[in-house]
Amino acid sequence: MITLKKYTEIFNEVKKCINDTLIHIKTVSHENYALFLKNSENKHEDYQKIVYPNLIYDGIIDCKDESRLTFLSEFLRIFYSFPYHQTSVNDDEFRIHIELMIYTHIWESKPFLKKLYRLTRLDNSEPYCWDVVIPDMKKKDFINKEVTKILEDNNNPIATLIKKGFDSSLRNAFAHSEYSLDTSDKYIKFWKNKKLHKISFNHWSKRFAYSGLLSYLLIKISDEHRKALE
């Protein structure tokens, strides 16, 4: 279960961190800021014969991830809009199963991880990275070393957001169907994980909120900044 108060706190925390980071990037380099907002991409693998493979706006990225993001947005609207007088989202077995699926998709999404990686590098005052390679395996190492660690070294609070959301044990347990829900004691139990045996539904709700809102708001707020440039 998560309360309206807690969800609102998480929403505002994530929103502020993303906005502050984008403003910092804009201050350091307006050019890199614009490239980031326009999803600029190197297409050398797809267009090997093109002399200038860098695309200032790559609509292909949006198309590839559009259906997942639309689903995420609609899911958050349906279950986390907190209609009048509703002060919490109560535990529901069906919804938690769907949340675990969404959670896995978020932390496996290459477009999302690319955007997070680029944000991290620009926050570190590095040049815009046109060609980002996301590994098919061991995304845990990529997220921890190539994103979270660098953000943490720069005292960027997005590192804390990631730590509050991302846990490879949760992702792997769902991906391999090695979990079960205990609705009596309100726990998610893991069958084969030596480090993590179970987490409470309350703990899960917070991890899902941080992950879902980071993925959703990174796109939404970036799009708002992009429109402000036009």
C-alpha atoms as a PDB file:
ATOM      1  CA  MET A   1       0.000   0.000   0.000  1.00  0.00           C
ATOM      2  CA  ILE A   2       1.078   3.569  -0.656  1.00  0.00           C
ATOM      3  CA  THR A   3      -0.611   6.699   0.653  1.00  0.00           C
ATOM      4  CA  LEU A   4      -1.459   9.789  -1.360  1.00  0.00           C
ATOM      5  CA  LYS A   5       0.918  11.757   0.845  1.00  0.00           C
ATOM      6  CA  LYS A   6       3.860   9.429   0.177  1.00  0.00           C
ATOM      7  CA  TYR A   7       3.152   9.136  -3.548  1.00  0.00           C
ATOM      8  CA  THR A   8       2.952  12.920  -3.848  1.00  0.00           C
ATOM      9  CA  GLU A   9       6.270  13.251  -2.004  1.00  0.00           C
ATOM     10  CA  ILE A  10       7.925  10.801  -4.400  1.00  0.00           C
ATOM     11  CA  PHE A  11       6.370  12.530  -7.429  1.00  0.00           C
ATOM     12  CA  ASN A  12       7.667  15.942  -6.337  1.00  0.00           C
ATOM     13  CA  GLU A  13      11.090  14.522  -5.427  1.00  0.00           C
ATOM     14  CA  VAL A  14      11.531  12.907  -8.849  1.00  0.00           C
ATOM     15  CA  LYS A  15      10.188  15.953 -10.686  1.00  0.00           C
ATOM     16  CA  LYS A  16      12.574  18.334  -8.908  1.00  0.00           C
ATOM     17  CA  CYS A  17      15.627  16.133  -9.483  1.00  0.00           C
ATOM     18  CA  ILE A  18      14.971  15.859 -13.226  1.00  0.00           C
ATOM     19  CA  ASN A  19      14.190  19.555 -13.654  1.00  0.00           C
ATOM     20  CA  ASP A  20      17.269  20.617 -11.669  1.00  0.00           C
ATOM     21  CA  THR A  21      19.497  18.307 -13.730  1.00  0.00           C
ATOM     22  CA  LEU A  22      18.158  19.583 -17.052  1.00  0.00           C
ATOM     23  CA  ILE A  23      18.631  23.187 -15.941  1.00  0.00           C
ATOM     24  CA  HIS A  24      22.216  22.385 -14.923  1.00  0.00           C
ATOM     25  CA  ILE A  25      22.914  20.755 -18.302  1.00  0.00           C
ATOM     26  CA  LYS A  26      21.445  23.788 -20.079  1.00  0.00           C
ATOM     27  CA  THR A  27      23.752  26.057 -18.075  1.00  0.00           C
ATOM     28  CA  VAL A  28      26.838  24.011 -18.945  1.00  0.00           C
ATOM     29  CA  SER A  29      26.067  23.604 -22.654  1.00  0.00           C
ATOM     30  CA  HIS A  30      22.918  24.806 -24.397  1.00  0.00           C
ATOM     31  CA  GLU A  31      23.919  22.808 -27.492  1.00  0.00           C
ATOM     32  CA  ASN A  32      24.139  19.511 -25.596  1.00  0.00           C
ATOM     33  CA  TYR A  33      20.917  20.368 -23.775  1.00  0.00           C
ATOM     34  CA  ALA A  34      19.129  20.750 -27.128  1.00  0.00           C
ATOM     35  CA  LEU A  35      20.638  17.541 -28.533  1.00  0.00           C
ATOM     36  CA  PHE A  36      19.434  15.621 -25.480  1.00  0.00           C
ATOM     37  CA  LEU A  37      15.910  17.003 -25.646  1.00  0.00           C
ATOM     38  CA  LYS A  38      15.644  16.109 -29.330  1.00  0.00           C
ATOM     39  CA  ASN A  39      16.707  12.485 -28.776  1.00  0.00           C
ATOM     40  CA  SER A  40      19.685  12.884 -31.101  1.00  0.00           C
ATOM     41  CA  GLU A  41      21.112   9.555 -32.168  1.00  0.00           C
ATOM     42  CA  ASN A  42      23.874   8.007 -34.259  1.00  0.00           C
ATOM     43  CA  LYS A  43      22.345   5.729 -36.901  1.00  0.00           C
ATOM     44  CA  HIS A  44      25.551   4.285 -38.360  1.00  0.00           C
ATOM     45  CA  GLU A  45      24.368   0.684 -37.889  1.00  0.00           C
ATOM     46  CA  ASP A  46      21.125   1.282 -39.768  1.00  0.00           C
ATOM     47  CA  TYR A  47      22.424   3.657 -42.399  1.00  0.00           C
ATOM     48  CA  GLN A  48      26.002   2.587 -43.097  1.00  0.00           C
ATOM     49  CA  LYS A  49      26.209   4.337 -46.469  1.00  0.00           C
ATOM     50  CA  ILE A  50      25.089   7.734 -45.176  1.00  0.00           C
ATOM     51  CA  VAL A  51      27.948  10.213 -44.848  1.00  0.00           C
ATOM     52  CA  TYR A  52      26.383  12.005 -41.855  1.00  0.00           C
ATOM     53  CA  PRO A  53      24.758   9.314 -39.688  1.00  0.00           C
ATOM     54  CA  ASN A  54      23.917  11.575 -36.720  1.00  0.00           C
ATOM     55  CA  LEU A  55      20.248  12.531 -36.524  1.00  0.00           C
ATOM     56  CA  ILE A  56      19.309  15.643 -34.555  1.00  0.00           C
ATOM     57  CA  TYR A  57      15.833  14.225 -33.944  1.00  0.00           C
ATOM     58  CA  ASP A  58      15.351  10.483 -34.047  1.00  0.00           C
ATOM     59  CA  GLY A  59      11.628   9.808 -34.159  1.00  0.00           C
ATOM     60  CA  ILE A  60      12.391   6.083 -34.504  1.00  0.00           C
ATOM     61  CA  ILE A  61      13.305   5.978 -30.811  1.00  0.00           C
ATOM     62  CA  ASP A  62       9.926   7.418 -29.860  1.00  0.00           C
ATOM     63  CA  CYS A  63       8.105   4.909 -32.068  1.00  0.00           C
ATOM     64  CA  LYS A  64       9.988   1.946 -30.631  1.00  0.00           C
ATOM     65  CA  ASP A  65       9.074   2.786 -27.042  1.00  0.00           C
ATOM     66  CA  GLU A  66       5.761   4.514 -27.651  1.00  0.00           C
ATOM     67  CA  SER A  67       3.424   1.642 -26.776  1.00  0.00           C
ATOM     68  CA  ARG A  68       5.229   0.853 -23.502  1.00  0.00           C
ATOM     69  CA  LEU A  69       5.200   4.488 -22.427  1.00  0.00           C
ATOM     70  CA  THR A  70       1.539   4.872 -23.374  1.00  0.00           C
ATOM     71  CA  PHE A  71       0.713   1.810 -21.295  1.00  0.00           C
ATOM     72  CA  LEU A  72       2.747   3.101 -18.340  1.00  0.00           C
ATOM     73  CA  SER A  73       1.063   6.506 -18.511  1.00  0.00           C
ATOM     74  CA  GLU A  74      -2.397   4.954 -18.651  1.00  0.00           C
ATOM     75  CA  PHE A  75      -1.620   2.548 -15.822  1.00  0.00           C
ATOM     76  CA  LEU A  76      -0.465   5.374 -13.546  1.00  0.00           C
ATOM     77  CA  ARG A  77      -3.549   7.386 -14.463  1.00  0.00           C
ATOM     78  CA  ILE A  78      -5.928   4.537 -13.647  1.00  0.00           C
ATOM     79  CA  PHE A  79      -4.364   3.315 -10.414  1.00  0.00           C
ATOM     80  CA  TYR A  80      -2.483   6.331  -9.049  1.00  0.00           C
ATOM     81  CA  SER A  81      -4.651   9.352  -9.857  1.00  0.00           C
ATOM     82  CA  PHE A  82      -6.195   9.262  -6.357  1.00  0.00           C
ATOM     83  CA  PRO A  83      -9.802  10.278  -7.052  1.00  0.00           C
ATOM     84  CA  TYR A  84     -11.571  12.566  -4.601  1.00  0.00           C
ATOM     85  CA  HIS A  85     -11.490  11.235  -1.014  1.00  0.00           C
ATOM     86  CA  GLN A  86      -9.088   8.384  -1.899  1.00  0.00           C
ATOM     87  CA  THR A  87      -6.046   8.678   0.364  1.00  0.00           C
ATOM     88  CA  SER A  88      -4.211   5.457  -0.486  1.00  0.00           C
ATOM     89  CA  VAL A  89      -3.762   2.733  -3.112  1.00  0.00           C
ATOM     90  CA  ASN A  90      -4.547  -0.515  -1.339  1.00  0.00           C
ATOM     91  CA  ASP A  91      -2.773  -3.797  -1.963  1.00  0.00           C
ATOM     92  CA  ASP A  92      -4.214  -5.805  -4.823  1.00  0.00           C
ATOM     93  CA  GLU A  93      -2.687  -9.054  -6.052  1.00  0.00           C
ATOM     94  CA  PHE A  94      -3.671  -8.545  -9.685  1.00  0.00           C
ATOM     95  CA  ARG A  95      -2.254  -5.008  -9.790  1.00  0.00           C
ATOM     96  CA  ILE A  96       1.027  -6.050  -8.137  1.00  0.00           C
ATOM     97  CA  HIS A  97       1.588  -8.727 -10.793  1.00  0.00           C
ATOM     98  CA  ILE A  98       1.141  -6.079 -13.491  1.00  0.00           C
ATOM     99  CA  GLU A  99       3.443  -3.698 -11.611  1.00  0.00           C
ATOM    100  CA  LEU A 100       6.169  -6.331 -11.520  1.00  0.00           C
ATOM    101  CA  MET A 101       5.869  -6.692 -15.287  1.00  0.00           C
ATOM    102  CA  ILE A 102       6.028  -2.911 -15.777  1.00  0.00           C
ATOM    103  CA  TYR A 103       8.997  -2.695 -13.390  1.00  0.00           C
ATOM    104  CA  THR A 104      10.890  -5.309 -15.394  1.00  0.00           C
ATOM    105  CA  HIS A 105      10.140  -3.498 -18.650  1.00  0.00           C
ATOM    106  CA  ILE A 106      11.363  -0.182 -17.248  1.00  0.00           C
ATOM    107  CA  TRP A 107      14.774  -1.478 -16.201  1.00  0.00           C
ATOM    108  CA  GLU A 108      15.180  -3.485 -19.423  1.00  0.00           C
ATOM    109  CA  SER A 109      14.131  -0.647 -21.730  1.00  0.00           C
ATOM    110  CA  LYS A 110      17.085   0.364 -23.905  1.00  0.00           C
ATOM    111  CA  PRO A 111      15.548   3.733 -24.914  1.00  0.00           C
ATOM    112  CA  PHE A 112      15.033   4.605 -21.231  1.00  0.00           C
ATOM    113  CA  LEU A 113      18.529   3.482 -20.219  1.00  0.00           C
ATOM    114  CA  LYS A 114      20.047   5.390 -23.143  1.00  0.00           C
ATOM    115  CA  LYS A 115      18.293   8.558 -22.038  1.00  0.00           C
ATOM    116  CA  LEU A 116      19.373   8.029 -18.438  1.00  0.00           C
ATOM    117  CA  TYR A 117      22.970   7.377 -19.547  1.00  0.00           C
ATOM    118  CA  ARG A 118      23.092  10.523 -21.690  1.00  0.00           C
ATOM    119  CA  LEU A 119      21.615  12.592 -18.882  1.00  0.00           C
ATOM    120  CA  THR A 120      24.310  11.244 -16.564  1.00  0.00           C
ATOM    121  CA  ARG A 121      27.172  12.032 -18.946  1.00  0.00           C
ATOM    122  CA  LEU A 122      25.956  15.548 -19.672  1.00  0.00           C
ATOM    123  CA  ASP A 123      25.513  16.181 -15.963  1.00  0.00           C
ATOM    124  CA  ASN A 124      29.164  15.147 -15.706  1.00  0.00           C
ATOM    125  CA  SER A 125      30.045  17.911 -18.238  1.00  0.00           C
ATOM    126  CA  GLU A 126      30.957  15.369 -20.926  1.00  0.00           C
ATOM    127  CA  PRO A 127      30.232  15.846 -24.662  1.00  0.00           C
ATOM    128  CA  TYR A 128      26.923  14.560 -25.984  1.00  0.00           C
ATOM    129  CA  CYS A 129      27.118  10.816 -26.534  1.00  0.00           C
ATOM    130  CA  TRP A 130      25.671  10.083 -29.961  1.00  0.00           C
ATOM    131  CA  ASP A 131      26.189   6.335 -29.873  1.00  0.00           C
ATOM    132  CA  VAL A 132      25.134   4.602 -26.637  1.00  0.00           C
ATOM    133  CA  VAL A 133      25.446   0.820 -26.484  1.00  0.00           C
ATOM    134  CA  ILE A 134      23.236  -0.851 -23.897  1.00  0.00           C
ATOM    135  CA  PRO A 135      24.333  -4.419 -23.105  1.00  0.00           C
ATOM    136  CA  ASP A 136      21.864  -7.218 -23.674  1.00  0.00           C
ATOM    137  CA  MET A 137      23.079  -8.900 -20.490  1.00  0.00           C
ATOM    138  CA  LYS A 138      24.315  -7.631 -17.100  1.00  0.00           C
ATOM    139  CA  LYS A 139      22.284  -4.430 -17.182  1.00  0.00           C
ATOM    140  CA  LYS A 140      22.747  -4.324 -13.401  1.00  0.00           C
ATOM    141  CA  ASP A 141      26.452  -3.508 -13.860  1.00  0.00           C
ATOM    142  CA  PHE A 142      25.645  -0.920 -16.517  1.00  0.00           C
ATOM    143  CA  ILE A 143      23.061   0.835 -14.328  1.00  0.00           C
ATOM    144  CA  ASN A 144      25.218   0.743 -11.207  1.00  0.00           C
ATOM    145  CA  LYS A 145      28.599   1.624 -12.717  1.00  0.00           C
ATOM    146  CA  GLU A 146      27.830   3.709 -15.799  1.00  0.00           C
ATOM    147  CA  VAL A 147      24.918   5.686 -14.370  1.00  0.00           C
ATOM    148  CA  THR A 148      24.356   5.554 -10.615  1.00  0.00           C
ATOM    149  CA  LYS A 149      28.014   5.741  -9.567  1.00  0.00           C
ATOM    150  CA  ILE A 150      28.740   8.768 -11.766  1.00  0.00           C
ATOM    151  CA  LEU A 151      25.619  10.599 -10.590  1.00  0.00           C
ATOM    152  CA  GLU A 152      26.531   9.793  -7.006  1.00  0.00           C
ATOM    153  CA  ASP A 153      30.083  11.136  -7.459  1.00  0.00           C
ATOM    154  CA  ASN A 154      28.557  14.393  -8.705  1.00  0.00           C
ATOM    155  CA  ASN A 155      26.142  14.546  -5.767  1.00  0.00           C
ATOM    156  CA  ASN A 156      23.219  14.340  -8.157  1.00  0.00           C
ATOM    157  CA  PRO A 157      20.155  13.096  -6.218  1.00  0.00           C
ATOM    158  CA  ILE A 158      18.944  11.081  -9.221  1.00  0.00           C
ATOM    159  CA  ALA A 159      21.442   8.470  -7.994  1.00  0.00           C
ATOM    160  CA  THR A 160      19.360   8.148  -4.841  1.00  0.00           C
ATOM    161  CA  LEU A 161      16.163   7.871  -6.897  1.00  0.00           C
ATOM    162  CA  ILE A 162      17.650   4.965  -8.832  1.00  0.00           C
ATOM    163  CA  LYS A 163      18.752   3.222  -5.638  1.00  0.00           C
ATOM    164  CA  LYS A 164      15.276   3.626  -4.179  1.00  0.00           C
ATOM    165  CA  GLY A 165      13.766   2.125  -7.312  1.00  0.00           C
ATOM    166  CA  PHE A 166      16.122  -0.317  -8.998  1.00  0.00           C
ATOM    167  CA  ASP A 167      16.790  -3.772  -7.589  1.00  0.00           C
ATOM    168  CA  SER A 168      17.960  -6.457 -10.006  1.00  0.00           C
ATOM    169  CA  SER A 169      16.665  -9.159  -7.639  1.00  0.00           C
ATOM    170  CA  LEU A 170      13.095  -7.967  -8.156  1.00  0.00           C
ATOM    171  CA  ARG A 171      13.510  -7.748 -11.913  1.00  0.00           C
ATOM    172  CA  ASN A 172      15.098 -11.199 -12.174  1.00  0.00           C
ATOM    173  CA  ALA A 173      12.545 -12.836  -9.893  1.00  0.00           C
ATOM    174  CA  PHE A 174       9.678 -11.684 -12.079  1.00  0.00           C
ATOM    175  CA  ALA A 175      11.477 -12.434 -15.347  1.00  0.00           C
ATOM    176  CA  HIS A 176      12.088 -16.031 -14.254  1.00  0.00           C
ATOM    177  CA  SER A 177       8.793 -16.531 -12.364  1.00  0.00           C
ATOM    178  CA  GLU A 178      10.673 -17.148  -9.124  1.00  0.00           C
ATOM    179  CA  TYR A 179       8.371 -15.280  -6.780  1.00  0.00           C
ATOM    180  CA  SER A 180       4.970 -15.541  -5.156  1.00  0.00           C
ATOM    181  CA  LEU A 181       2.613 -13.160  -3.387  1.00  0.00           C
ATOM    182  CA  ASP A 182       1.613 -13.771   0.215  1.00  0.00           C
ATOM    183  CA  THR A 183      -1.608 -11.806   0.533  1.00  0.00           C
ATOM    184  CA  SER A 184      -2.099 -12.822   4.171  1.00  0.00           C
ATOM    185  CA  ASP A 185       1.192 -11.403   5.476  1.00  0.00           C
ATOM    186  CA  LYS A 186       1.467  -8.929   2.580  1.00  0.00           C
ATOM    187  CA  TYR A 187       4.880  -9.956   1.266  1.00  0.00           C
ATOM    188  CA  ILE A 188       6.440 -10.751  -2.086  1.00  0.00           C
ATOM    189  CA  LYS A 189       8.472 -13.908  -1.551  1.00  0.00           C
ATOM    190  CA  PHE A 190      11.459 -14.941  -3.664  1.00  0.00           C
ATOM    191  CA  TRP A 191      12.240 -18.604  -4.193  1.00  0.00           C
ATOM    192  CA  LYS A 192      15.899 -18.766  -5.184  1.00  0.00           C
ATOM    193  CA  ASN A 193      17.416 -15.463  -4.153  1.00  0.00           C
ATOM    194  CA  LYS A 194      20.107 -15.866  -1.473  1.00  0.00           C
ATOM    195  CA  LYS A 195      20.273 -12.144  -0.616  1.00  0.00           C
ATOM    196  CA  LEU A 196      16.624 -11.149  -0.756  1.00  0.00           C
ATOM    197  CA  HIS A 197      14.023 -13.558   0.609  1.00  0.00           C
ATOM    198  CA  LYS A 198      11.007 -11.270   0.705  1.00  0.00           C
ATOM    199  CA  ILE A 199       9.852  -7.665   0.751  1.00  0.00           C
ATOM    200  CA  SER A 200       6.650  -6.176   2.106  1.00  0.00           C
ATOM    201  CA  PHE A 201       3.942  -4.866  -0.186  1.00  0.00           C
ATOM    202  CA  ASN A 202       4.565  -1.407   1.294  1.00  0.00           C
ATOM    203  CA  HIS A 203       8.257  -1.591   0.408  1.00  0.00           C
ATOM    204  CA  TRP A 204       7.392  -2.793  -3.076  1.00  0.00           C
ATOM    205  CA  SER A 205       4.920   0.066  -3.629  1.00  0.00           C
ATOM    206  CA  LYS A 206       7.646   2.640  -2.970  1.00  0.00           C
ATOM    207  CA  ARG A 207      10.138   0.928  -5.290  1.00  0.00           C
ATOM    208  CA  PHE A 208       7.536   0.780  -8.019  1.00  0.00           C
ATOM    209  CA  ALA A 209       6.609   4.447  -7.530  1.00  0.00           C
ATOM    210  CA  TYR A 210      10.244   5.584  -7.788  1.00  0.00           C
ATOM    211  CA  SER A 211      10.867   3.458 -10.888  1.00  0.00           C
ATOM    212  CA  GLY A 212       7.587   4.231 -12.631  1.00  0.00           C
ATOM    213  CA  LEU A 213       7.773   7.960 -11.985  1.00  0.00           C
ATOM    214  CA  LEU A 214      11.451   8.213 -12.958  1.00  0.00           C
ATOM    215  CA  SER A 215      10.698   6.561 -16.295  1.00  0.00           C
ATOM    216  CA  TYR A 216       7.497   8.531 -16.887  1.00  0.00           C
ATOM    217  CA  LEU A 217       8.670  11.955 -15.723  1.00  0.00           C
ATOM    218  CA  LEU A 218      12.047  11.779 -17.467  1.00  0.00           C
ATOM    219  CA  ILE A 219      10.158  11.580 -20.774  1.00  0.00           C
ATOM    220  CA  LYS A 220       7.388  14.011 -19.813  1.00  0.00           C
ATOM    221  CA  ILE A 221       9.631  16.726 -18.359  1.00  0.00           C
ATOM    222  CA  SER A 222      12.172  16.399 -21.177  1.00  0.00           C
ATOM    223  CA  ASP A 223       9.338  16.869 -23.663  1.00  0.00           C
ATOM    224  CA  GLU A 224       8.170  19.975 -21.797  1.00  0.00           C
ATOM    225  CA  HIS A 225      11.687  21.420 -21.981  1.00  0.00           C
ATOM    226  CA  ARG A 226      11.886  20.533 -25.681  1.00  0.00           C
ATOM    227  CA  LYS A 227       8.616  22.331 -26.448  1.00  0.00           C
ATOM    228  CA  ALA A 228       9.936  25.401 -24.628  1.00  0.00           C
ATOM    229  CA  LEU A 229      12.789  25.521 -27.170  1.00  0.00           C
ATOM    230  CA  GLU A 230      10.443  25.646 -30.163  1.00  0.00           C
END
